[in-house]
Amino acid sequence: MKSGAADKVKLTQEDRAAVKEAARAAGPAEILVLWHFMTDHKEQFTKADWGFTCSQLGRRSEKLLRNVAKNFSWED
């Protein structure tokens, strides 16, 4: 069964704020789990919400990798 627009998750402003805060605080293992979850459930998100969530996770991933490259540590 192909999912339609009614089956899509629509994030509210509160949801977006929660995603942003969670991504900002996530550690390396949590980021990997979140990426895996998002990839498995991509069809359930609207294009805009998918893009927003991936953007937040991508920013955090980039910051974590930058920390490792500069400080040899995952810590912020």
N, C-alpha and C. Protein backbone atom coordinates (compact mmCIF):
# COMPACT_ATOMS: atom_id res chain seq x y z
N MET A 1 0.84 -1.18 0.00
CA MET A 1 0.00 0.00 0.00
C MET A 1 0.88 1.24 0.00
N LYS A 2 0.64 2.12 -0.91
CA LYS A 2 1.41 3.35 -1.02
C LYS A 2 0.82 4.38 -0.08
N SER A 3 1.70 5.08 0.67
CA SER A 3 1.18 6.07 1.62
C SER A 3 0.83 7.35 0.88
N GLY A 4 -0.24 7.98 1.34
CA GLY A 4 -0.68 9.24 0.75
C GLY A 4 -0.38 10.40 1.67
N ALA A 5 -0.82 11.58 1.28
CA ALA A 5 -0.56 12.79 2.06
C ALA A 5 -1.17 12.70 3.45
N ALA A 6 -2.31 12.01 3.59
CA ALA A 6 -2.96 11.89 4.90
C ALA A 6 -2.14 11.05 5.87
N ASP A 7 -1.26 10.20 5.34
CA ASP A 7 -0.45 9.34 6.18
C ASP A 7 0.84 10.01 6.65
N LYS A 8 1.10 11.22 6.20
CA LYS A 8 2.35 11.92 6.50
C LYS A 8 2.31 12.55 7.88
N VAL A 9 3.47 12.58 8.53
CA VAL A 9 3.63 13.26 9.80
C VAL A 9 3.86 14.73 9.50
N LYS A 10 3.14 15.61 10.16
CA LYS A 10 3.33 17.05 10.01
C LYS A 10 3.82 17.60 11.34
N LEU A 11 5.05 18.10 11.35
CA LEU A 11 5.63 18.63 12.58
C LEU A 11 5.05 20.01 12.89
N THR A 12 4.68 20.22 14.16
CA THR A 12 4.23 21.53 14.62
C THR A 12 5.46 22.37 14.97
N GLN A 13 5.26 23.62 15.28
CA GLN A 13 6.38 24.48 15.70
C GLN A 13 7.03 23.93 16.97
N GLU A 14 6.21 23.38 17.87
CA GLU A 14 6.74 22.78 19.09
C GLU A 14 7.58 21.55 18.77
N ASP A 15 7.10 20.75 17.81
CA ASP A 15 7.86 19.57 17.37
C ASP A 15 9.21 19.99 16.79
N ARG A 16 9.18 21.02 15.96
CA ARG A 16 10.42 21.50 15.34
C ARG A 16 11.40 22.01 16.40
N ALA A 17 10.89 22.71 17.40
CA ALA A 17 11.75 23.19 18.49
C ALA A 17 12.34 22.00 19.26
N ALA A 18 11.54 20.96 19.48
CA ALA A 18 12.02 19.77 20.19
C ALA A 18 13.08 19.04 19.36
N VAL A 19 12.87 18.93 18.06
CA VAL A 19 13.86 18.28 17.19
C VAL A 19 15.17 19.06 17.23
N LYS A 20 15.07 20.37 17.13
CA LYS A 20 16.25 21.23 17.13
C LYS A 20 17.04 21.07 18.44
N GLU A 21 16.34 21.08 19.55
CA GLU A 21 17.00 20.94 20.86
C GLU A 21 17.59 19.55 21.04
N ALA A 22 16.86 18.52 20.63
CA ALA A 22 17.35 17.15 20.77
C ALA A 22 18.59 16.93 19.90
N ALA A 23 18.57 17.45 18.68
CA ALA A 23 19.73 17.30 17.80
C ALA A 23 20.93 18.04 18.37
N ARG A 24 20.70 19.20 18.95
CA ARG A 24 21.78 19.99 19.53
C ARG A 24 22.47 19.27 20.69
N ALA A 25 21.73 18.46 21.41
CA ALA A 25 22.26 17.79 22.59
C ALA A 25 22.69 16.34 22.35
N ALA A 26 22.42 15.81 21.16
CA ALA A 26 22.67 14.39 20.87
C ALA A 26 24.16 14.08 20.79
N GLY A 27 24.49 12.93 21.30
CA GLY A 27 25.86 12.43 21.20
C GLY A 27 26.01 11.59 19.93
N PRO A 28 27.21 11.10 19.68
CA PRO A 28 27.47 10.34 18.45
C PRO A 28 26.57 9.12 18.26
N ALA A 29 26.38 8.33 19.30
CA ALA A 29 25.54 7.13 19.17
C ALA A 29 24.09 7.52 18.91
N GLU A 30 23.62 8.56 19.58
CA GLU A 30 22.24 9.00 19.37
C GLU A 30 22.03 9.52 17.95
N ILE A 31 23.01 10.23 17.43
CA ILE A 31 22.92 10.73 16.05
C ILE A 31 22.79 9.57 15.07
N LEU A 32 23.59 8.53 15.27
CA LEU A 32 23.52 7.36 14.38
C LEU A 32 22.16 6.69 14.45
N VAL A 33 21.61 6.57 15.64
CA VAL A 33 20.28 5.96 15.81
C VAL A 33 19.22 6.83 15.14
N LEU A 34 19.31 8.15 15.33
CA LEU A 34 18.34 9.06 14.72
C LEU A 34 18.41 9.03 13.19
N TRP A 35 19.62 9.00 12.64
CA TRP A 35 19.77 8.91 11.18
C TRP A 35 19.14 7.63 10.67
N HIS A 36 19.38 6.53 11.36
CA HIS A 36 18.82 5.24 10.95
C HIS A 36 17.28 5.29 11.01
N PHE A 37 16.75 5.83 12.09
CA PHE A 37 15.30 5.95 12.25
C PHE A 37 14.71 6.80 11.12
N MET A 38 15.32 7.95 10.87
CA MET A 38 14.81 8.85 9.83
C MET A 38 14.83 8.18 8.45
N THR A 39 15.89 7.48 8.16
CA THR A 39 16.00 6.80 6.87
C THR A 39 14.91 5.72 6.73
N ASP A 40 14.67 4.99 7.80
CA ASP A 40 13.66 3.93 7.77
C ASP A 40 12.24 4.48 7.63
N HIS A 41 12.01 5.72 8.09
CA HIS A 41 10.66 6.29 8.12
C HIS A 41 10.51 7.50 7.20
N LYS A 42 11.37 7.62 6.24
CA LYS A 42 11.37 8.79 5.35
C LYS A 42 10.01 9.05 4.71
N GLU A 43 9.34 8.02 4.26
CA GLU A 43 8.07 8.17 3.55
C GLU A 43 6.97 8.75 4.43
N GLN A 44 7.14 8.69 5.75
CA GLN A 44 6.11 9.17 6.66
C GLN A 44 6.20 10.67 6.95
N PHE A 45 7.25 11.33 6.48
CA PHE A 45 7.44 12.75 6.74
C PHE A 45 7.16 13.56 5.49
N THR A 46 6.67 14.78 5.68
CA THR A 46 6.52 15.68 4.54
C THR A 46 7.91 16.06 4.07
N LYS A 47 8.01 16.51 2.83
CA LYS A 47 9.31 16.89 2.28
C LYS A 47 9.97 17.99 3.11
N ALA A 48 9.19 18.97 3.51
CA ALA A 48 9.72 20.09 4.30
C ALA A 48 10.21 19.62 5.67
N ASP A 49 9.43 18.77 6.33
CA ASP A 49 9.82 18.28 7.65
C ASP A 49 11.02 17.34 7.57
N TRP A 50 11.06 16.53 6.51
CA TRP A 50 12.21 15.64 6.29
C TRP A 50 13.47 16.49 6.13
N GLY A 51 13.39 17.51 5.30
CA GLY A 51 14.53 18.39 5.08
C GLY A 51 14.97 19.11 6.34
N PHE A 52 14.02 19.60 7.11
CA PHE A 52 14.34 20.28 8.37
C PHE A 52 15.06 19.33 9.33
N THR A 53 14.51 18.15 9.52
CA THR A 53 15.09 17.19 10.46
C THR A 53 16.49 16.76 10.02
N CYS A 54 16.65 16.47 8.75
CA CYS A 54 17.97 16.09 8.24
C CYS A 54 18.97 17.23 8.38
N SER A 55 18.50 18.45 8.18
CA SER A 55 19.37 19.62 8.34
C SER A 55 19.87 19.72 9.78
N GLN A 56 18.99 19.53 10.73
CA GLN A 56 19.38 19.61 12.15
C GLN A 56 20.36 18.49 12.52
N LEU A 57 20.08 17.28 12.05
CA LEU A 57 20.98 16.17 12.33
C LEU A 57 22.32 16.36 11.63
N GLY A 58 22.28 16.90 10.43
CA GLY A 58 23.51 17.16 9.69
C GLY A 58 24.39 18.19 10.37
N ARG A 59 23.77 19.24 10.89
CA ARG A 59 24.53 20.27 11.61
C ARG A 59 25.22 19.68 12.84
N ARG A 60 24.48 18.86 13.57
CA ARG A 60 25.06 18.25 14.77
C ARG A 60 26.18 17.27 14.39
N SER A 61 25.96 16.50 13.35
CA SER A 61 26.99 15.56 12.90
C SER A 61 28.26 16.30 12.50
N GLU A 62 28.08 17.40 11.79
CA GLU A 62 29.23 18.20 11.37
C GLU A 62 29.99 18.75 12.58
N LYS A 63 29.24 19.23 13.58
CA LYS A 63 29.89 19.77 14.78
C LYS A 63 30.65 18.68 15.53
N LEU A 64 30.06 17.49 15.65
CA LEU A 64 30.73 16.40 16.33
C LEU A 64 32.02 16.01 15.61
N LEU A 65 31.96 15.92 14.28
CA LEU A 65 33.16 15.57 13.52
C LEU A 65 34.23 16.66 13.60
N ARG A 66 33.79 17.92 13.62
CA ARG A 66 34.74 19.02 13.77
C ARG A 66 35.43 18.94 15.14
N ASN A 67 34.68 18.60 16.17
CA ASN A 67 35.26 18.45 17.51
C ASN A 67 36.33 17.36 17.52
N VAL A 68 36.04 16.26 16.86
CA VAL A 68 37.02 15.16 16.82
C VAL A 68 38.27 15.60 16.07
N ALA A 69 38.09 16.28 14.95
CA ALA A 69 39.24 16.70 14.15
C ALA A 69 40.11 17.72 14.88
N LYS A 70 39.49 18.62 15.62
CA LYS A 70 40.25 19.68 16.30
C LYS A 70 40.76 19.25 17.68
N ASN A 71 39.91 18.58 18.44
CA ASN A 71 40.19 18.31 19.85
C ASN A 71 40.40 16.83 20.17
N PHE A 72 40.25 15.97 19.18
CA PHE A 72 40.32 14.52 19.40
C PHE A 72 39.35 14.08 20.49
N SER A 73 38.17 14.72 20.51
CA SER A 73 37.16 14.43 21.52
C SER A 73 35.78 14.66 20.92
N TRP A 74 34.79 13.92 21.40
CA TRP A 74 33.42 14.12 20.97
C TRP A 74 32.76 15.26 21.75
N GLU A 75 33.37 15.70 22.82
CA GLU A 75 32.78 16.71 23.69
C GLU A 75 32.72 18.07 22.99
N ASP A 76 31.68 18.84 23.31
CA ASP A 76 31.51 20.19 22.76
C ASP A 76 32.47 21.15 23.44
